[in-house]
Amino acid sequence: KTCATCGRPFAWRKKWAKVWDEVRYCSDRCRGQ
């Protein structure tokens, strides 16, 4: 997906398996910004 804040692409992670449809940001830093 592409991060909603920084615009960079990021890949699926195992910890996001159940909530992949809800993930919008690549990191905690982007979510905080």
PDB file of all heavy atoms in Angstrom:
ATOM      1  N   LYS A   1       0.860  -1.183   0.000  1.00  0.00           N
ATOM      2  CA  LYS A   1       0.000   0.000   0.000  1.00  0.00           C
ATOM      3  C   LYS A   1       0.892   1.227   0.000  1.00  0.00           C
ATOM      4  O   LYS A   1       2.091   1.140   0.226  1.00  0.00           O
ATOM      5  CB  LYS A   1      -0.864   0.040   1.263  1.00  0.00           C
ATOM      6  CG  LYS A   1      -1.925  -1.010   1.337  1.00  0.00           C
ATOM      7  CD  LYS A   1      -2.769  -0.787   2.566  1.00  0.00           C
ATOM      8  CE  LYS A   1      -3.888  -1.795   2.645  1.00  0.00           C
ATOM      9  NZ  LYS A   1      -4.767  -1.529   3.784  1.00  0.00           N
ATOM     10  N   THR A   2       0.272   2.379  -0.181  1.00  0.00           N
ATOM     11  CA  THR A   2       0.980   3.644  -0.098  1.00  0.00           C
ATOM     12  C   THR A   2       0.565   4.339   1.196  1.00  0.00           C
ATOM     13  O   THR A   2      -0.619   4.413   1.517  1.00  0.00           O
ATOM     14  CB  THR A   2       0.623   4.541  -1.302  1.00  0.00           C
ATOM     15  OG1 THR A   2       0.934   3.829  -2.493  1.00  0.00           O
ATOM     16  CG2 THR A   2       1.405   5.831  -1.273  1.00  0.00           C
ATOM     17  N   CYS A   3       1.534   4.847   1.935  1.00  0.00           N
ATOM     18  CA  CYS A   3       1.281   5.520   3.207  1.00  0.00           C
ATOM     19  C   CYS A   3       0.481   6.794   2.978  1.00  0.00           C
ATOM     20  O   CYS A   3       0.774   7.569   2.063  1.00  0.00           O
ATOM     21  CB  CYS A   3       2.603   5.848   3.890  1.00  0.00           C
ATOM     22  SG  CYS A   3       2.421   6.709   5.458  1.00  0.00           S
ATOM     23  N   ALA A   4      -0.540   7.016   3.815  1.00  0.00           N
ATOM     24  CA  ALA A   4      -1.404   8.188   3.689  1.00  0.00           C
ATOM     25  C   ALA A   4      -0.693   9.483   4.066  1.00  0.00           C
ATOM     26  O   ALA A   4      -1.115  10.560   3.667  1.00  0.00           O
ATOM     27  CB  ALA A   4      -2.643   8.007   4.558  1.00  0.00           C
ATOM     28  N   THR A   5       0.400   9.403   4.825  1.00  0.00           N
ATOM     29  CA  THR A   5       1.106  10.604   5.270  1.00  0.00           C
ATOM     30  C   THR A   5       2.304  10.935   4.379  1.00  0.00           C
ATOM     31  O   THR A   5       2.380  12.015   3.816  1.00  0.00           O
ATOM     32  CB  THR A   5       1.601  10.437   6.718  1.00  0.00           C
ATOM     33  OG1 THR A   5       0.482  10.167   7.546  1.00  0.00           O
ATOM     34  CG2 THR A   5       2.294  11.683   7.216  1.00  0.00           C
ATOM     35  N   CYS A   6       3.217   9.979   4.237  1.00  0.00           N
ATOM     36  CA  CYS A   6       4.457  10.264   3.511  1.00  0.00           C
ATOM     37  C   CYS A   6       4.410   9.875   2.031  1.00  0.00           C
ATOM     38  O   CYS A   6       5.249  10.310   1.254  1.00  0.00           O
ATOM     39  CB  CYS A   6       5.635   9.585   4.191  1.00  0.00           C
ATOM     40  SG  CYS A   6       5.618   7.779   4.111  1.00  0.00           S
ATOM     41  N   GLY A   7       3.450   9.044   1.639  1.00  0.00           N
ATOM     42  CA  GLY A   7       3.312   8.663   0.238  1.00  0.00           C
ATOM     43  C   GLY A   7       4.235   7.553  -0.211  1.00  0.00           C
ATOM     44  O   GLY A   7       4.250   7.200  -1.386  1.00  0.00           O
ATOM     45  N   ARG A   8       5.006   6.988   0.697  1.00  0.00           N
ATOM     46  CA  ARG A   8       5.916   5.895   0.341  1.00  0.00           C
ATOM     47  C   ARG A   8       5.187   4.558   0.360  1.00  0.00           C
ATOM     48  O   ARG A   8       4.289   4.356   1.163  1.00  0.00           O
ATOM     49  CB  ARG A   8       7.071   5.826   1.330  1.00  0.00           C
ATOM     50  CG  ARG A   8       7.972   7.010   1.273  1.00  0.00           C
ATOM     51  CD  ARG A   8       9.072   6.859   2.289  1.00  0.00           C
ATOM     52  NE  ARG A   8       9.961   8.001   2.246  1.00  0.00           N
ATOM     53  CZ  ARG A   8      10.855   8.269   3.167  1.00  0.00           C
ATOM     54  NH1 ARG A   8      10.982   7.509   4.232  1.00  0.00           N
ATOM     55  NH2 ARG A   8      11.632   9.314   3.053  1.00  0.00           N
ATOM     56  N   PRO A   9       5.593   3.641  -0.510  1.00  0.00           N
ATOM     57  CA  PRO A   9       4.976   2.315  -0.484  1.00  0.00           C
ATOM     58  C   PRO A   9       5.513   1.500   0.693  1.00  0.00           C
ATOM     59  O   PRO A   9       6.672   1.654   1.091  1.00  0.00           O
ATOM     60  CB  PRO A   9       5.407   1.696  -1.813  1.00  0.00           C
ATOM     61  CG  PRO A   9       6.645   2.418  -2.192  1.00  0.00           C
ATOM     62  CD  PRO A   9       6.538   3.798  -1.608  1.00  0.00           C
ATOM     63  N   PHE A  10       4.650   0.661   1.264  1.00  0.00           N
ATOM     64  CA  PHE A  10       5.086  -0.251   2.317  1.00  0.00           C
ATOM     65  C   PHE A  10       4.424  -1.598   2.105  1.00  0.00           C
ATOM     66  O   PHE A  10       3.335  -1.685   1.551  1.00  0.00           O
ATOM     67  CB  PHE A  10       4.794   0.308   3.715  1.00  0.00           C
ATOM     68  CG  PHE A  10       3.338   0.540   4.026  1.00  0.00           C
ATOM     69  CD1 PHE A  10       2.612  -0.414   4.719  1.00  0.00           C
ATOM     70  CD2 PHE A  10       2.707   1.704   3.646  1.00  0.00           C
ATOM     71  CE1 PHE A  10       1.278  -0.201   5.017  1.00  0.00           C
ATOM     72  CE2 PHE A  10       1.381   1.924   3.945  1.00  0.00           C
ATOM     73  CZ  PHE A  10       0.656   0.967   4.626  1.00  0.00           C
ATOM     74  N   ALA A  11       5.112  -2.655   2.537  1.00  0.00           N
ATOM     75  CA  ALA A  11       4.662  -4.026   2.290  1.00  0.00           C
ATOM     76  C   ALA A  11       3.919  -4.600   3.487  1.00  0.00           C
ATOM     77  O   ALA A  11       4.059  -4.131   4.619  1.00  0.00           O
ATOM     78  CB  ALA A  11       5.866  -4.902   1.957  1.00  0.00           C
ATOM     79  N   TRP A  12       3.131  -5.613   3.210  1.00  0.00           N
ATOM     80  CA  TRP A  12       2.375  -6.363   4.215  1.00  0.00           C
ATOM     81  C   TRP A  12       3.317  -6.936   5.264  1.00  0.00           C
ATOM     82  O   TRP A  12       4.428  -7.338   4.957  1.00  0.00           O
ATOM     83  CB  TRP A  12       1.650  -7.493   3.501  1.00  0.00           C
ATOM     84  CG  TRP A  12       0.815  -8.374   4.344  1.00  0.00           C
ATOM     85  CD1 TRP A  12      -0.483  -8.213   4.644  1.00  0.00           C
ATOM     86  CD2 TRP A  12       1.209  -9.599   4.977  1.00  0.00           C
ATOM     87  NE1 TRP A  12      -0.939  -9.238   5.416  1.00  0.00           N
ATOM     88  CE2 TRP A  12       0.095 -10.115   5.644  1.00  0.00           C
ATOM     89  CE3 TRP A  12       2.404 -10.312   5.042  1.00  0.00           C
ATOM     90  CZ2 TRP A  12       0.119 -11.291   6.367  1.00  0.00           C
ATOM     91  CZ3 TRP A  12       2.437 -11.480   5.762  1.00  0.00           C
ATOM     92  CH2 TRP A  12       1.310 -11.948   6.407  1.00  0.00           C
ATOM     93  N   ARG A  13       2.875  -6.933   6.514  1.00  0.00           N
ATOM     94  CA  ARG A  13       3.627  -7.553   7.613  1.00  0.00           C
ATOM     95  C   ARG A  13       2.735  -8.562   8.306  1.00  0.00           C
ATOM     96  O   ARG A  13       1.518  -8.390   8.355  1.00  0.00           O
ATOM     97  CB  ARG A  13       4.056  -6.506   8.639  1.00  0.00           C
ATOM     98  CG  ARG A  13       5.030  -5.507   8.091  1.00  0.00           C
ATOM     99  CD  ARG A  13       5.442  -4.562   9.192  1.00  0.00           C
ATOM    100  NE  ARG A  13       6.250  -3.477   8.663  1.00  0.00           N
ATOM    101  CZ  ARG A  13       6.656  -2.460   9.374  1.00  0.00           C
ATOM    102  NH1 ARG A  13       6.315  -2.355  10.646  1.00  0.00           N
ATOM    103  NH2 ARG A  13       7.385  -1.524   8.843  1.00  0.00           N
ATOM    104  N   LYS A  14       3.332  -9.575   8.863  1.00  0.00           N
ATOM    105  CA  LYS A  14       2.562 -10.635   9.511  1.00  0.00           C
ATOM    106  C   LYS A  14       1.692 -10.086  10.648  1.00  0.00           C
ATOM    107  O   LYS A  14       0.560 -10.513  10.840  1.00  0.00           O
ATOM    108  CB  LYS A  14       3.498 -11.718  10.044  1.00  0.00           C
ATOM    109  CG  LYS A  14       2.764 -12.926  10.559  1.00  0.00           C
ATOM    110  CD  LYS A  14       3.709 -14.038  10.933  1.00  0.00           C
ATOM    111  CE  LYS A  14       2.936 -15.243  11.405  1.00  0.00           C
ATOM    112  NZ  LYS A  14       3.830 -16.351  11.737  1.00  0.00           N
ATOM    113  N   LYS A  15       2.196  -9.100  11.392  1.00  0.00           N
ATOM    114  CA  LYS A  15       1.422  -8.551  12.506  1.00  0.00           C
ATOM    115  C   LYS A  15       0.188  -7.789  12.029  1.00  0.00           C
ATOM    116  O   LYS A  15      -0.723  -7.533  12.800  1.00  0.00           O
ATOM    117  CB  LYS A  15       2.286  -7.669  13.403  1.00  0.00           C
ATOM    118  CG  LYS A  15       2.718  -6.357  12.790  1.00  0.00           C
ATOM    119  CD  LYS A  15       3.538  -5.568  13.786  1.00  0.00           C
ATOM    120  CE  LYS A  15       3.918  -4.214  13.253  1.00  0.00           C
ATOM    121  NZ  LYS A  15       4.662  -3.460  14.250  1.00  0.00           N
ATOM    122  N   TRP A  16       0.128  -7.431  10.739  1.00  0.00           N
ATOM    123  CA  TRP A  16      -1.022  -6.755  10.175  1.00  0.00           C
ATOM    124  C   TRP A  16      -1.982  -7.713   9.472  1.00  0.00           C
ATOM    125  O   TRP A  16      -2.936  -7.271   8.830  1.00  0.00           O
ATOM    126  CB  TRP A  16      -0.580  -5.705   9.163  1.00  0.00           C
ATOM    127  CG  TRP A  16       0.153  -4.537   9.737  1.00  0.00           C
ATOM    128  CD1 TRP A  16       0.047  -4.027  10.996  1.00  0.00           C
ATOM    129  CD2 TRP A  16       1.091  -3.705   9.056  1.00  0.00           C
ATOM    130  NE1 TRP A  16       0.853  -2.934  11.142  1.00  0.00           N
ATOM    131  CE2 TRP A  16       1.513  -2.715   9.965  1.00  0.00           C
ATOM    132  CE3 TRP A  16       1.622  -3.698   7.774  1.00  0.00           C
ATOM    133  CZ2 TRP A  16       2.421  -1.727   9.615  1.00  0.00           C
ATOM    134  CZ3 TRP A  16       2.532  -2.720   7.431  1.00  0.00           C
ATOM    135  CH2 TRP A  16       2.926  -1.746   8.347  1.00  0.00           C
ATOM    136  N   ALA A  17      -1.779  -8.998   9.596  1.00  0.00           N
ATOM    137  CA  ALA A  17      -2.563  -9.986   8.844  1.00  0.00           C
ATOM    138  C   ALA A  17      -4.066  -9.834   9.062  1.00  0.00           C
ATOM    139  O   ALA A  17      -4.838  -9.885   8.110  1.00  0.00           O
ATOM    140  CB  ALA A  17      -2.112 -11.391   9.205  1.00  0.00           C
ATOM    141  N   LYS A  18      -4.494  -9.623  10.287  1.00  0.00           N
ATOM    142  CA  LYS A  18      -5.926  -9.557  10.593  1.00  0.00           C
ATOM    143  C   LYS A  18      -6.540  -8.198  10.307  1.00  0.00           C
ATOM    144  O   LYS A  18      -7.749  -8.082  10.166  1.00  0.00           O
ATOM    145  CB  LYS A  18      -6.168  -9.922  12.053  1.00  0.00           C
ATOM    146  CG  LYS A  18      -5.821 -11.361  12.352  1.00  0.00           C
ATOM    147  CD  LYS A  18      -6.073 -11.699  13.800  1.00  0.00           C
ATOM    148  CE  LYS A  18      -5.659 -13.127  14.097  1.00  0.00           C
ATOM    149  NZ  LYS A  18      -5.823 -13.445  15.515  1.00  0.00           N
ATOM    150  N   VAL A  19      -5.717  -7.149  10.240  1.00  0.00           N
ATOM    151  CA  VAL A  19      -6.243  -5.791  10.073  1.00  0.00           C
ATOM    152  C   VAL A  19      -5.687  -5.087   8.824  1.00  0.00           C
ATOM    153  O   VAL A  19      -5.691  -3.859   8.753  1.00  0.00           O
ATOM    154  CB  VAL A  19      -5.955  -4.931  11.329  1.00  0.00           C
ATOM    155  CG1 VAL A  19      -6.720  -5.430  12.529  1.00  0.00           C
ATOM    156  CG2 VAL A  19      -4.468  -4.876  11.622  1.00  0.00           C
ATOM    157  N   TRP A  20      -5.247  -5.831   7.838  1.00  0.00           N
ATOM    158  CA  TRP A  20      -4.600  -5.253   6.663  1.00  0.00           C
ATOM    159  C   TRP A  20      -5.490  -4.217   5.968  1.00  0.00           C
ATOM    160  O   TRP A  20      -5.015  -3.197   5.472  1.00  0.00           O
ATOM    161  CB  TRP A  20      -4.183  -6.349   5.691  1.00  0.00           C
ATOM    162  CG  TRP A  20      -3.543  -5.835   4.444  1.00  0.00           C
ATOM    163  CD1 TRP A  20      -4.009  -5.963   3.181  1.00  0.00           C
ATOM    164  CD2 TRP A  20      -2.302  -5.100   4.332  1.00  0.00           C
ATOM    165  NE1 TRP A  20      -3.151  -5.371   2.286  1.00  0.00           N
ATOM    166  CE2 TRP A  20      -2.094  -4.831   2.967  1.00  0.00           C
ATOM    167  CE3 TRP A  20      -1.364  -4.646   5.244  1.00  0.00           C
ATOM    168  CZ2 TRP A  20      -0.989  -4.128   2.496  1.00  0.00           C
ATOM    169  CZ3 TRP A  20      -0.256  -3.946   4.763  1.00  0.00           C
ATOM    170  CH2 TRP A  20      -0.079  -3.695   3.412  1.00  0.00           C
ATOM    171  N   ASP A  21      -6.792  -4.431   5.937  1.00  0.00           N
ATOM    172  CA  ASP A  21      -7.701  -3.485   5.287  1.00  0.00           C
ATOM    173  C   ASP A  21      -7.759  -2.148   6.019  1.00  0.00           C
ATOM    174  O   ASP A  21      -8.087  -1.126   5.417  1.00  0.00           O
ATOM    175  CB  ASP A  21      -9.107  -4.067   5.196  1.00  0.00           C
ATOM    176  CG  ASP A  21      -9.162  -5.265   4.273  1.00  0.00           C
ATOM    177  OD1 ASP A  21      -8.328  -5.339   3.350  1.00  0.00           O
ATOM    178  OD2 ASP A  21     -10.035  -6.123   4.470  1.00  0.00           O
ATOM    179  N   GLU A  22      -7.438  -2.129   7.303  1.00  0.00           N
ATOM    180  CA  GLU A  22      -7.509  -0.911   8.109  1.00  0.00           C
ATOM    181  C   GLU A  22      -6.181  -0.157   8.188  1.00  0.00           C
ATOM    182  O   GLU A  22      -6.160   0.989   8.630  1.00  0.00           O
ATOM    183  CB  GLU A  22      -7.963  -1.267   9.519  1.00  0.00           C
ATOM    184  CG  GLU A  22      -9.327  -1.926   9.555  1.00  0.00           C
ATOM    185  CD  GLU A  22      -9.643  -2.528  10.899  1.00  0.00           C
ATOM    186  OE1 GLU A  22      -8.966  -2.183  11.889  1.00  0.00           O
ATOM    187  OE2 GLU A  22     -10.566  -3.350  10.960  1.00  0.00           O
ATOM    188  N   VAL A  23      -5.086  -0.788   7.790  1.00  0.00           N
ATOM    189  CA  VAL A  23      -3.762  -0.163   7.886  1.00  0.00           C
ATOM    190  C   VAL A  23      -3.654   0.956   6.854  1.00  0.00           C
ATOM    191  O   VAL A  23      -3.920   0.756   5.673  1.00  0.00           O
ATOM    192  CB  VAL A  23      -2.647  -1.219   7.652  1.00  0.00           C
ATOM    193  CG1 VAL A  23      -1.278  -0.565   7.638  1.00  0.00           C
ATOM    194  CG2 VAL A  23      -2.701  -2.290   8.710  1.00  0.00           C
ATOM    195  N   ARG A  24      -3.270   2.166   7.324  1.00  0.00           N
ATOM    196  CA  ARG A  24      -3.145   3.329   6.444  1.00  0.00           C
ATOM    197  C   ARG A  24      -1.746   3.940   6.453  1.00  0.00           C
ATOM    198  O   ARG A  24      -1.379   4.661   5.533  1.00  0.00           O
ATOM    199  CB  ARG A  24      -4.139   4.405   6.859  1.00  0.00           C
ATOM    200  CG  ARG A  24      -5.581   3.969   6.679  1.00  0.00           C
ATOM    201  CD  ARG A  24      -6.548   5.058   7.041  1.00  0.00           C
ATOM    202  NE  ARG A  24      -6.288   6.247   6.233  1.00  0.00           N
ATOM    203  CZ  ARG A  24      -6.564   7.488   6.627  1.00  0.00           C
ATOM    204  NH1 ARG A  24      -7.096   7.713   7.798  1.00  0.00           N
ATOM    205  NH2 ARG A  24      -6.296   8.506   5.850  1.00  0.00           N
ATOM    206  N   TYR A  25      -0.994   3.712   7.527  1.00  0.00           N
ATOM    207  CA  TYR A  25       0.302   4.370   7.692  1.00  0.00           C
ATOM    208  C   TYR A  25       1.427   3.336   7.754  1.00  0.00           C
ATOM    209  O   TYR A  25       1.252   2.243   8.277  1.00  0.00           O
ATOM    210  CB  TYR A  25       0.300   5.211   8.965  1.00  0.00           C
ATOM    211  CG  TYR A  25      -0.859   6.166   9.028  1.00  0.00           C
ATOM    212  CD1 TYR A  25      -1.940   5.947   9.863  1.00  0.00           C
ATOM    213  CD2 TYR A  25      -0.877   7.300   8.223  1.00  0.00           C
ATOM    214  CE1 TYR A  25      -3.011   6.821   9.907  1.00  0.00           C
ATOM    215  CE2 TYR A  25      -1.943   8.183   8.249  1.00  0.00           C
ATOM    216  CZ  TYR A  25      -3.003   7.935   9.090  1.00  0.00           C
ATOM    217  OH  TYR A  25      -4.057   8.798   9.120  1.00  0.00           O
ATOM    218  N   CYS A  26       2.607   3.722   7.292  1.00  0.00           N
ATOM    219  CA  CYS A  26       3.742   2.801   7.241  1.00  0.00           C
ATOM    220  C   CYS A  26       4.436   2.659   8.594  1.00  0.00           C
ATOM    221  O   CYS A  26       5.129   1.670   8.824  1.00  0.00           O
ATOM    222  CB  CYS A  26       4.742   3.254   6.187  1.00  0.00           C
ATOM    223  SG  CYS A  26       5.506   4.860   6.499  1.00  0.00           S
ATOM    224  N   SER A  27       4.245   3.631   9.491  1.00  0.00           N
ATOM    225  CA  SER A  27       4.943   3.595  10.774  1.00  0.00           C
ATOM    226  C   SER A  27       4.189   4.388  11.830  1.00  0.00           C
ATOM    227  O   SER A  27       3.257   5.134  11.520  1.00  0.00           O
ATOM    228  CB  SER A  27       6.348   4.194  10.618  1.00  0.00           C
ATOM    229  OG  SER A  27       6.249   5.558  10.282  1.00  0.00           O
ATOM    230  N   ASP A  28       4.624   4.247  13.071  1.00  0.00           N
ATOM    231  CA  ASP A  28       4.052   5.025  14.169  1.00  0.00           C
ATOM    232  C   ASP A  28       4.333   6.516  13.977  1.00  0.00           C
ATOM    233  O   ASP A  28       3.527   7.365  14.334  1.00  0.00           O
ATOM    234  CB  ASP A  28       4.613   4.569  15.512  1.00  0.00           C
ATOM    235  CG  ASP A  28       4.098   3.202  15.922  1.00  0.00           C
ATOM    236  OD1 ASP A  28       3.012   2.809  15.455  1.00  0.00           O
ATOM    237  OD2 ASP A  28       4.787   2.539  16.710  1.00  0.00           O
ATOM    238  N   ARG A  29       5.479   6.828  13.419  1.00  0.00           N
ATOM    239  CA  ARG A  29       5.836   8.231  13.191  1.00  0.00           C
ATOM    240  C   ARG A  29       4.853   8.889  12.218  1.00  0.00           C
ATOM    241  O   ARG A  29       4.369  10.004  12.467  1.00  0.00           O
ATOM    242  CB  ARG A  29       7.250   8.310  12.637  1.00  0.00           C
ATOM    243  CG  ARG A  29       7.701   9.716  12.381  1.00  0.00           C
ATOM    244  CD  ARG A  29       9.114   9.729  11.871  1.00  0.00           C
ATOM    245  NE  ARG A  29       9.533  11.105  11.629  1.00  0.00           N
ATOM    246  CZ  ARG A  29      10.649  11.439  11.037  1.00  0.00           C
ATOM    247  NH1 ARG A  29      11.499  10.513  10.646  1.00  0.00           N
ATOM    248  NH2 ARG A  29      10.968  12.689  10.834  1.00  0.00           N
ATOM    249  N   CYS A  30       4.534   8.213  11.131  1.00  0.00           N
ATOM    250  CA  CYS A  30       3.582   8.768  10.165  1.00  0.00           C
ATOM    251  C   CYS A  30       2.185   8.866  10.771  1.00  0.00           C
ATOM    252  O   CYS A  30       1.466   9.827  10.515  1.00  0.00           O
ATOM    253  CB  CYS A  30       3.543   7.922   8.898  1.00  0.00           C
ATOM    254  SG  CYS A  30       4.937   8.233   7.813  1.00  0.00           S
ATOM    255  N   ARG A  31       1.792   7.906  11.566  1.00  0.00           N
ATOM    256  CA  ARG A  31       0.487   7.961  12.210  1.00  0.00           C
ATOM    257  C   ARG A  31       0.422   9.151  13.166  1.00  0.00           C
ATOM    258  O   ARG A  31      -0.572   9.860  13.220  1.00  0.00           O
ATOM    259  CB  ARG A  31       0.206   6.660  12.956  1.00  0.00           C
ATOM    260  CG  ARG A  31      -1.198   6.608  13.529  1.00  0.00           C
ATOM    261  CD  ARG A  31      -1.501   5.292  14.157  1.00  0.00           C
ATOM    262  NE  ARG A  31      -0.509   4.984  15.169  1.00  0.00           N
ATOM    263  CZ  ARG A  31      -0.183   3.759  15.539  1.00  0.00           C
ATOM    264  NH1 ARG A  31      -0.750   2.728  14.984  1.00  0.00           N
ATOM    265  NH2 ARG A  31       0.726   3.568  16.467  1.00  0.00           N
ATOM    266  N   GLY A  32       1.503   9.408  13.896  1.00  0.00           N
ATOM    267  CA  GLY A  32       1.552  10.541  14.817  1.00  0.00           C
ATOM    268  C   GLY A  32       1.528  11.868  14.098  1.00  0.00           C
ATOM    269  O   GLY A  32       0.894  12.821  14.546  1.00  0.00           O
ATOM    270  N   GLN A  33       2.199  11.964  12.958  1.00  0.00           N
ATOM    271  CA  GLN A  33       2.204  13.205  12.191  1.00  0.00           C
ATOM    272  C   GLN A  33       0.834  13.489  11.597  1.00  0.00           C
ATOM    273  O   GLN A  33       0.434  14.635  11.463  1.00  0.00           O
ATOM    274  CB  GLN A  33       3.241  13.145  11.075  1.00  0.00           C
ATOM    275  CG  GLN A  33       4.649  13.301  11.573  1.00  0.00           C
ATOM    276  CD  GLN A  33       5.665  13.259  10.443  1.00  0.00           C
ATOM    277  OE1 GLN A  33       5.364  12.831   9.338  1.00  0.00           O
ATOM    278  NE2 GLN A  33       6.875  13.677  10.743  1.00  0.00           N
TER     279      GLN A  33
END
